[in-house]
């Protein structure tokens, strides 16, 4: 039998953005319903995320948002008891060329302004403390951001969902949206494919890769998805806690990065060049022959480690590499929070605080800055240096 539900806020999508937004709105006393087409939370690109979380950016709003998110990740276990495998190992951007060193050093003024805590690590510190075994040939040092971290995307999203449910959030899984409901110039809710109707004062678009097609009638969202492969190895003895990001471009790739998780496994990825546009999430045989030599050149000690699994996820890119956030200017009651550019997991808790503050008219100066910079209708700017 079809059901009708009435709530204050309806979140479309139970992923890296939708779940923390629902949790934060419930913390502020709102009645929240989340609709999700899959069978549980985090089954889209959240579970394909590598798990890096950082405030080490070149964009001020991303720095601020990253700091908000890091505070949530860092304190979660102490506050709520869930082990999300948070590990403050920092981010290392090694410099093997003069050009990359110049780019990295140019970030220190903005990092000092926002108390990121980054500094220039010399090759000796990198070898002895940060990333033992890193290739030292032509290594000039690197930008190290010690307050950044990694954690498990799936453990985290499930912890957030449990917390949201404890606050009264209703999750409707296996509920694809069949129709966006409207009345006049206002979006009033959704009807699911099961025939259920959910009415809300505010509908929040957190649909990720489905945002553009699902909300096509209401907005021309500048989202251009492309595919990225990643892989994980068998566990080996722990040797480093840092996420290592090599910014050098090589044939077939723009950069590469890896870290060792709490179980000793190496998780690694690259940015393909040219990019692979579209929404294909089927892994291919071309990734490992391209990525493995890059990672082994960077960390030769991994040459005997076996790869266990490979997968592919989506980066929902915008023209300037930052999210699309804000009220729809033509349709009242519709708020967009989408186009996360592959950084939804790391920014989710910070963005959620900003959205909740906007919906409850309680924004801080920092939250206002983030929302203004990510405005849905902004003039797109250049891509940030550390995207």
Protein backbone atom coordinates (compact mmCIF):
# COMPACT_ATOMS: atom_id res chain seq x y z
CA UNK A 1 0.00 0.00 0.00
CA UNK A 2 1.34 3.44 -0.95
CA UNK A 3 2.31 5.62 2.01
CA UNK A 4 2.39 9.36 2.55
CA UNK A 5 5.04 10.95 4.76
CA UNK A 6 5.40 14.61 5.75
CA UNK A 7 8.69 16.06 6.99
CA UNK A 8 10.69 19.28 7.28
CA UNK A 9 13.55 18.18 5.02
CA UNK A 10 13.75 15.44 2.41
CA UNK A 11 17.27 14.38 1.41
CA UNK A 12 17.62 12.63 -1.93
CA UNK A 13 20.61 10.30 -1.68
CA UNK A 14 22.18 8.47 1.28
CA UNK A 15 25.82 8.99 0.37
CA UNK A 16 28.82 10.97 1.55
CA UNK A 17 26.86 14.23 1.52
CA UNK A 18 23.25 13.20 2.14
CA UNK A 19 23.82 11.19 5.32
CA UNK A 20 25.82 13.84 7.22
CA UNK A 21 23.39 16.54 6.08
CA UNK A 22 20.47 14.50 7.43
CA UNK A 23 22.35 13.95 10.69
CA UNK A 24 23.12 17.64 11.12
CA UNK A 25 19.57 18.73 10.34
CA UNK A 26 18.21 16.27 12.88
CA UNK A 27 20.67 17.63 15.45
CA UNK A 28 18.97 21.00 14.91
CA UNK A 29 15.54 19.56 15.58
CA UNK A 30 14.25 19.03 12.06
CA UNK A 31 12.14 16.07 10.93
CA UNK A 32 14.22 14.45 8.19
CA UNK A 33 13.57 11.70 5.65
CA UNK A 34 16.26 10.28 3.34
CA UNK A 35 15.34 8.43 0.15
CA UNK A 36 17.97 6.16 -1.39
CA UNK A 37 17.63 3.99 -4.47
CA UNK A 38 20.11 1.39 -3.21
CA UNK A 39 19.71 -1.01 -0.30
CA UNK A 40 21.80 0.83 2.30
CA UNK A 41 23.79 3.99 2.90
CA UNK A 42 27.03 4.68 1.05
CA UNK A 43 26.54 2.22 -1.79
CA UNK A 44 27.36 4.69 -4.56
CA UNK A 45 30.69 6.47 -4.86
CA UNK A 46 31.15 6.64 -1.09
CA UNK A 47 32.26 3.01 -0.95
CA UNK A 48 34.64 3.64 -3.85
CA UNK A 49 36.43 6.51 -2.10
CA UNK A 50 40.04 5.94 -1.01
CA UNK A 51 39.52 7.45 2.43
CA UNK A 52 41.80 10.48 2.42
CA UNK A 53 40.59 13.49 4.44
CA UNK A 54 42.49 16.77 4.34
CA UNK A 55 42.46 20.51 4.81
CA UNK A 56 45.60 20.87 2.70
CA UNK A 57 44.09 22.66 -0.29
CA UNK A 58 44.85 25.78 -2.27
CA UNK A 59 41.24 27.00 -2.21
CA UNK A 60 40.32 28.89 1.02
CA UNK A 61 36.80 27.50 1.22
CA UNK A 62 38.05 23.94 0.78
CA UNK A 63 40.57 24.55 3.55
CA UNK A 64 37.86 25.76 5.91
CA UNK A 65 35.46 22.98 4.94
CA UNK A 66 38.23 20.40 5.28
CA UNK A 67 39.04 21.66 8.78
CA UNK A 68 35.39 21.35 9.80
CA UNK A 69 35.29 17.81 8.45
CA UNK A 70 38.58 16.77 10.06
CA UNK A 71 37.27 17.82 13.44
CA UNK A 72 34.29 15.49 13.01
CA UNK A 73 36.43 12.56 11.85
CA UNK A 74 39.05 13.11 14.58
CA UNK A 75 36.61 13.25 17.48
CA UNK A 76 34.04 10.71 16.29
CA UNK A 77 35.26 7.67 18.20
CA UNK A 78 35.62 9.59 21.45
CA UNK A 79 32.15 11.08 21.12
CA UNK A 80 30.15 8.12 19.82
CA UNK A 81 32.33 5.03 20.24
CA UNK A 82 32.49 3.99 16.57
CA UNK A 83 35.91 3.04 15.21
CA UNK A 84 36.05 4.59 11.75
CA UNK A 85 39.78 3.73 11.43
CA UNK A 86 40.76 7.37 11.68
CA UNK A 87 44.54 7.69 11.31
CA UNK A 88 46.24 11.09 11.42
CA UNK A 89 49.20 10.25 9.23
CA UNK A 90 49.25 13.48 7.26
CA UNK A 91 49.50 14.21 3.54
CA UNK A 92 52.87 14.35 1.78
CA UNK A 93 53.32 16.04 -1.60
CA UNK A 94 56.90 15.18 -2.62
CA UNK A 95 58.68 17.49 -5.07
CA UNK A 96 60.93 15.94 -7.71
CA UNK A 97 61.07 18.99 -9.99
CA UNK A 98 61.71 22.68 -9.48
CA UNK A 99 58.30 23.54 -10.91
CA UNK A 100 56.40 21.34 -8.46
CA UNK A 101 58.49 22.65 -5.56
CA UNK A 102 57.65 26.22 -6.57
CA UNK A 103 53.93 25.38 -6.77
CA UNK A 104 53.92 23.70 -3.38
CA UNK A 105 55.89 26.43 -1.62
CA UNK A 106 53.50 29.04 -3.04
CA UNK A 107 50.74 27.54 -0.87
CA UNK A 108 52.35 28.35 2.47
CA UNK A 109 50.94 31.90 2.76
CA UNK A 110 47.32 30.72 2.42
CA UNK A 111 48.05 27.76 4.70
CA UNK A 112 49.48 30.05 7.36
CA UNK A 113 46.48 32.36 7.04
CA UNK A 114 44.12 29.47 7.84
CA UNK A 115 46.38 27.57 10.29
CA UNK A 116 46.67 24.45 8.15
CA UNK A 117 49.96 23.54 9.85
CA UNK A 118 51.79 22.44 6.71
CA UNK A 119 55.57 22.79 6.38
CA UNK A 120 58.45 21.89 4.08
CA UNK A 121 59.91 18.49 4.95
CA UNK A 122 63.45 17.80 3.76
CA UNK A 123 64.43 14.46 2.14
CA UNK A 124 65.97 13.21 5.39
CA UNK A 125 62.76 13.68 7.38
CA UNK A 126 60.74 12.10 4.59
CA UNK A 127 63.01 9.06 4.54
CA UNK A 128 63.29 8.61 8.29
CA UNK A 129 59.84 9.61 9.56
CA UNK A 130 57.14 10.30 6.98
CA UNK A 131 57.50 7.81 4.12
CA UNK A 132 60.45 5.44 4.64
CA UNK A 133 61.54 3.89 1.35
CA UNK A 134 60.28 6.73 -0.86
CA UNK A 135 62.44 7.13 -3.94
CA UNK A 136 65.16 9.66 -3.06
CA UNK A 137 66.45 10.25 -6.60
CA UNK A 138 65.95 13.95 -7.43
CA UNK A 139 63.78 14.36 -4.32
CA UNK A 140 63.90 18.02 -3.26
CA UNK A 141 61.70 17.64 -0.20
CA UNK A 142 57.97 17.98 0.03
CA UNK A 143 54.99 19.79 1.47
CA UNK A 144 53.78 17.87 4.52
CA UNK A 145 50.43 18.53 6.20
CA UNK A 146 50.57 16.56 9.47
CA UNK A 147 46.98 17.22 10.60
CA UNK A 148 45.41 15.48 7.60
CA UNK A 149 44.32 11.88 7.85
CA UNK A 150 42.68 8.80 6.42
CA UNK A 151 39.70 6.73 7.57
CA UNK A 152 37.39 4.02 6.28
CA UNK A 153 34.59 5.38 4.05
CA UNK A 154 32.26 2.46 4.75
CA UNK A 155 32.79 2.39 8.51
CA UNK A 156 32.30 6.15 8.54
CA UNK A 157 29.10 6.30 6.50
CA UNK A 158 27.55 3.51 8.56
CA UNK A 159 28.50 5.30 11.79
CA UNK A 160 26.94 8.52 10.48
CA UNK A 161 23.78 6.66 9.44
CA UNK A 162 23.42 5.01 12.85
CA UNK A 163 23.81 8.37 14.53
CA UNK A 164 21.24 9.93 12.19
CA UNK A 165 18.75 7.16 12.90
CA UNK A 166 19.25 7.60 16.64
CA UNK A 167 18.30 11.26 16.15
CA UNK A 168 15.05 10.29 14.45
CA UNK A 169 16.01 10.41 10.75
CA UNK A 170 13.93 8.04 8.61
CA UNK A 171 15.80 6.22 5.83
CA UNK A 172 13.80 4.80 2.95
CA UNK A 173 16.12 2.40 1.10
CA UNK A 174 15.39 0.74 -2.24
CA UNK A 175 13.31 3.84 -3.00
CA UNK A 176 14.08 5.35 -6.38
CA UNK A 177 12.54 8.73 -7.11
CA UNK A 178 9.97 8.46 -9.86
CA UNK A 179 8.73 12.06 -9.79
CA UNK A 180 9.68 15.40 -8.25
CA UNK A 181 6.47 16.93 -6.91
CA UNK A 182 5.72 20.63 -7.37
CA UNK A 183 3.02 23.16 -6.60
CA UNK A 184 3.28 26.45 -8.47
CA UNK A 185 6.92 27.52 -8.31
CA UNK A 186 7.75 25.34 -5.29
CA UNK A 187 9.20 21.84 -5.08
CA UNK A 188 7.10 20.04 -2.47
CA UNK A 189 8.44 16.50 -2.32
CA UNK A 190 8.86 13.30 -4.30
CA UNK A 191 6.96 10.22 -5.33
CA UNK A 192 8.92 6.95 -5.31
CA UNK A 193 8.68 4.12 -7.78
CA UNK A 194 6.85 2.18 -5.08
CA UNK A 195 4.14 4.85 -5.15
CA UNK A 196 4.98 6.38 -1.76
CA UNK A 197 4.69 10.17 -1.45
CA UNK A 198 7.01 12.22 0.73
CA UNK A 199 6.17 15.90 1.23
CA UNK A 200 8.68 18.36 2.66
CA UNK A 201 9.30 22.05 3.21
CA UNK A 202 12.76 21.58 1.68
CA UNK A 203 14.05 19.00 -0.78
CA UNK A 204 17.83 18.61 -0.78
CA UNK A 205 19.53 17.23 -3.89
CA UNK A 206 22.38 14.96 -2.74
CA UNK A 207 21.91 12.53 -5.60
CA UNK A 208 25.52 12.65 -6.82
CA UNK A 209 25.79 11.07 -10.25
CA UNK A 210 22.00 11.11 -10.57
CA UNK A 211 21.61 14.81 -9.77
CA UNK A 212 21.81 16.10 -13.34
CA UNK A 213 19.29 13.69 -14.89
CA UNK A 214 16.97 13.61 -11.88
CA UNK A 215 16.75 17.40 -11.52
CA UNK A 216 17.10 18.28 -15.22
CA UNK A 217 13.69 19.96 -15.21
CA UNK A 218 14.77 22.34 -12.45
CA UNK A 219 18.42 23.19 -13.13
CA UNK A 220 21.15 22.82 -15.74
CA UNK A 221 23.79 21.41 -13.39
CA UNK A 222 27.32 21.76 -14.72
CA UNK A 223 28.43 18.26 -13.73
CA UNK A 224 30.76 16.28 -15.97
CA UNK A 225 31.41 12.78 -14.58
CA UNK A 226 34.60 10.91 -15.32
CA UNK A 227 35.88 7.51 -14.20
CA UNK A 228 38.84 6.77 -11.90
CA UNK A 229 40.23 3.34 -11.06
CA UNK A 230 41.80 2.34 -7.75
CA UNK A 231 43.16 -0.84 -6.17
CA UNK A 232 44.14 -2.39 -2.85
CA UNK A 233 46.91 -4.86 -2.01
CA UNK A 234 47.41 -7.65 0.47
CA UNK A 235 48.50 -6.46 3.95
CA UNK A 236 52.21 -5.94 4.62
CA UNK A 237 54.17 -4.78 7.64
CA UNK A 238 53.35 -1.18 8.52
CA UNK A 239 55.91 1.33 7.25
CA UNK A 240 54.04 4.63 6.75
CA UNK A 241 50.91 6.46 7.86
CA UNK A 242 51.00 9.27 5.28
CA UNK A 243 48.98 9.71 2.11
CA UNK A 244 51.63 10.30 -0.58
CA UNK A 245 50.58 12.36 -3.62
CA UNK A 246 52.96 12.53 -6.60
CA UNK A 247 52.00 15.54 -8.74
CA UNK A 248 54.28 14.66 -11.66
CA UNK A 249 52.51 14.07 -14.95
CA UNK A 250 53.47 10.90 -16.80
CA UNK A 251 52.25 9.43 -20.08
CA UNK A 252 48.67 8.35 -19.45
CA UNK A 253 48.30 10.00 -16.02
CA UNK A 254 48.34 13.43 -14.39
CA UNK A 255 49.33 12.25 -10.90
CA UNK A 256 49.29 9.23 -8.59
CA UNK A 257 48.79 8.66 -4.89
CA UNK A 258 48.76 5.93 -2.27
CA UNK A 259 48.62 5.23 1.46
CA UNK A 260 48.82 2.27 3.80
CA UNK A 261 45.67 1.66 5.82
CA UNK A 262 45.41 0.42 9.41
CA UNK A 263 45.40 -3.19 8.19
CA UNK A 264 48.69 -2.74 6.33
CA UNK A 265 47.10 -2.73 2.86
CA UNK A 266 48.24 -0.26 0.20
CA UNK A 267 45.41 1.65 -1.47
CA UNK A 268 46.45 3.43 -4.66
CA UNK A 269 45.03 5.43 -7.53
CA UNK A 270 45.87 7.88 -10.31
CA UNK A 271 44.22 10.59 -12.37
CA UNK A 272 44.09 9.38 -15.98
CA UNK A 273 45.21 11.59 -18.84
CA UNK A 274 43.19 12.01 -20.90
CA UNK A 275 40.25 11.76 -18.55
CA UNK A 276 37.67 9.00 -19.07
CA UNK A 277 34.34 10.84 -19.41
CA UNK A 278 31.07 9.16 -18.59
CA UNK A 279 29.61 6.99 -15.86
CA UNK A 280 31.19 3.62 -16.60
CA UNK A 281 32.12 1.97 -13.27
CA UNK A 282 33.41 -1.30 -14.72
CA UNK A 283 37.11 -1.71 -13.94
CA UNK A 284 39.42 -2.33 -16.89
CA UNK A 285 42.65 -4.21 -17.62
CA UNK A 286 44.46 -0.97 -18.51
CA UNK A 287 44.70 0.48 -14.99
CA UNK A 288 47.27 -1.74 -13.29
CA UNK A 289 49.84 -1.66 -16.14
CA UNK A 290 49.58 2.13 -16.04
CA UNK A 291 49.47 2.73 -12.29
CA UNK A 292 51.69 -0.01 -10.86
CA UNK A 293 54.93 1.27 -12.47
CA UNK A 294 54.21 4.78 -11.10
CA UNK A 295 53.69 3.51 -7.57
CA UNK A 296 56.74 1.23 -7.73
CA UNK A 297 58.92 4.08 -9.01
CA UNK A 298 57.73 6.15 -6.07
CA UNK A 299 58.00 3.36 -3.47
CA UNK A 300 60.25 0.53 -4.77
CA UNK A 301 59.82 -1.54 -1.60
CA UNK A 302 56.33 -2.52 -2.81
CA UNK A 303 57.57 -4.54 -5.81
CA UNK A 304 56.67 -7.94 -4.31
CA UNK A 305 53.29 -6.93 -2.86
CA UNK A 306 50.28 -8.56 -4.52
CA UNK A 307 47.19 -6.64 -5.60
CA UNK A 308 43.97 -8.08 -4.20
CA UNK A 309 41.20 -6.03 -5.77
CA UNK A 310 40.52 -3.23 -8.22
CA UNK A 311 37.48 -0.99 -8.65
CA UNK A 312 36.30 2.12 -10.46
CA UNK A 313 34.36 5.14 -9.21
CA UNK A 314 33.22 8.50 -10.51
CA UNK A 315 34.49 12.03 -10.05
CA UNK A 316 31.49 14.32 -10.57
CA UNK A 317 33.48 17.26 -11.85
CA UNK A 318 32.45 20.89 -12.16
CA UNK A 319 34.30 23.36 -14.42
CA UNK A 320 36.39 24.72 -11.51
CA UNK A 321 36.69 21.60 -9.37
CA UNK A 322 34.53 22.74 -6.43
CA UNK A 323 30.98 21.65 -5.49
CA UNK A 324 27.64 23.07 -6.55
CA UNK A 325 25.76 24.26 -3.47
CA UNK A 326 22.76 26.45 -2.84
CA UNK A 327 19.10 27.23 -3.33
CA UNK A 328 17.59 26.82 -6.76
CA UNK A 329 16.78 30.36 -7.92
CA UNK A 330 13.73 29.34 -9.94
CA UNK A 331 12.13 26.76 -7.69
CA UNK A 332 11.46 27.49 -4.03
CA UNK A 333 12.18 24.75 -1.51
CA UNK A 334 14.90 23.05 -3.59
CA UNK A 335 18.50 23.06 -2.35
CA UNK A 336 21.36 21.47 -4.31
CA UNK A 337 24.43 19.86 -2.74
CA UNK A 338 26.14 17.97 -5.53
CA UNK A 339 29.10 17.90 -7.92
CA UNK A 340 31.69 16.98 -5.28
CA UNK A 341 34.54 16.50 -7.77
CA UNK A 342 35.77 13.30 -6.14
CA UNK A 343 36.05 14.90 -2.70
CA UNK A 344 32.61 14.25 -1.24
CA UNK A 345 33.82 11.90 1.45
CA UNK A 346 36.55 14.19 2.75
CA UNK A 347 34.35 17.31 2.70
CA UNK A 348 30.98 15.76 3.59
CA UNK A 349 30.86 16.51 7.33
CA UNK A 350 32.03 20.09 6.77
CA UNK A 351 29.57 20.77 3.96
CA UNK A 352 26.80 19.22 6.06
CA UNK A 353 27.41 21.74 8.82
CA UNK A 354 27.18 24.56 6.28
CA UNK A 355 23.94 23.28 4.76
CA UNK A 356 22.32 22.73 8.15
CA UNK A 357 23.30 26.24 9.20
CA UNK A 358 21.81 27.66 5.99
CA UNK A 359 18.51 25.83 6.43
CA UNK A 360 18.21 26.97 10.05
CA UNK A 361 19.36 30.57 9.47
CA UNK A 362 22.35 30.22 11.78
CA UNK A 363 25.42 30.52 9.56
CA UNK A 364 28.80 31.47 10.96
CA UNK A 365 31.21 33.63 8.98
CA UNK A 366 33.13 30.54 7.86
CA UNK A 367 29.98 28.70 6.78
CA UNK A 368 28.82 31.78 4.87
CA UNK A 369 32.14 31.94 3.02
CA UNK A 370 31.92 28.30 1.97
CA UNK A 371 28.34 28.58 0.71
CA UNK A 372 29.05 31.79 -1.18
CA UNK A 373 32.15 30.34 -2.86
CA UNK A 374 30.30 27.17 -3.87
CA UNK A 375 27.20 29.00 -5.06
CA UNK A 376 25.30 27.09 -7.69
CA UNK A 377 25.19 30.12 -10.01
CA UNK A 378 28.76 31.40 -9.57
CA UNK A 379 31.07 32.39 -12.39
CA UNK A 380 33.41 29.43 -12.65
CA UNK A 381 37.05 30.12 -11.89
CA UNK A 382 40.30 28.27 -12.52
CA UNK A 383 40.95 24.79 -11.09
CA UNK A 384 42.70 24.76 -7.70
CA UNK A 385 46.38 23.74 -7.55
CA UNK A 386 45.90 20.66 -5.33
CA UNK A 387 42.76 19.23 -6.92
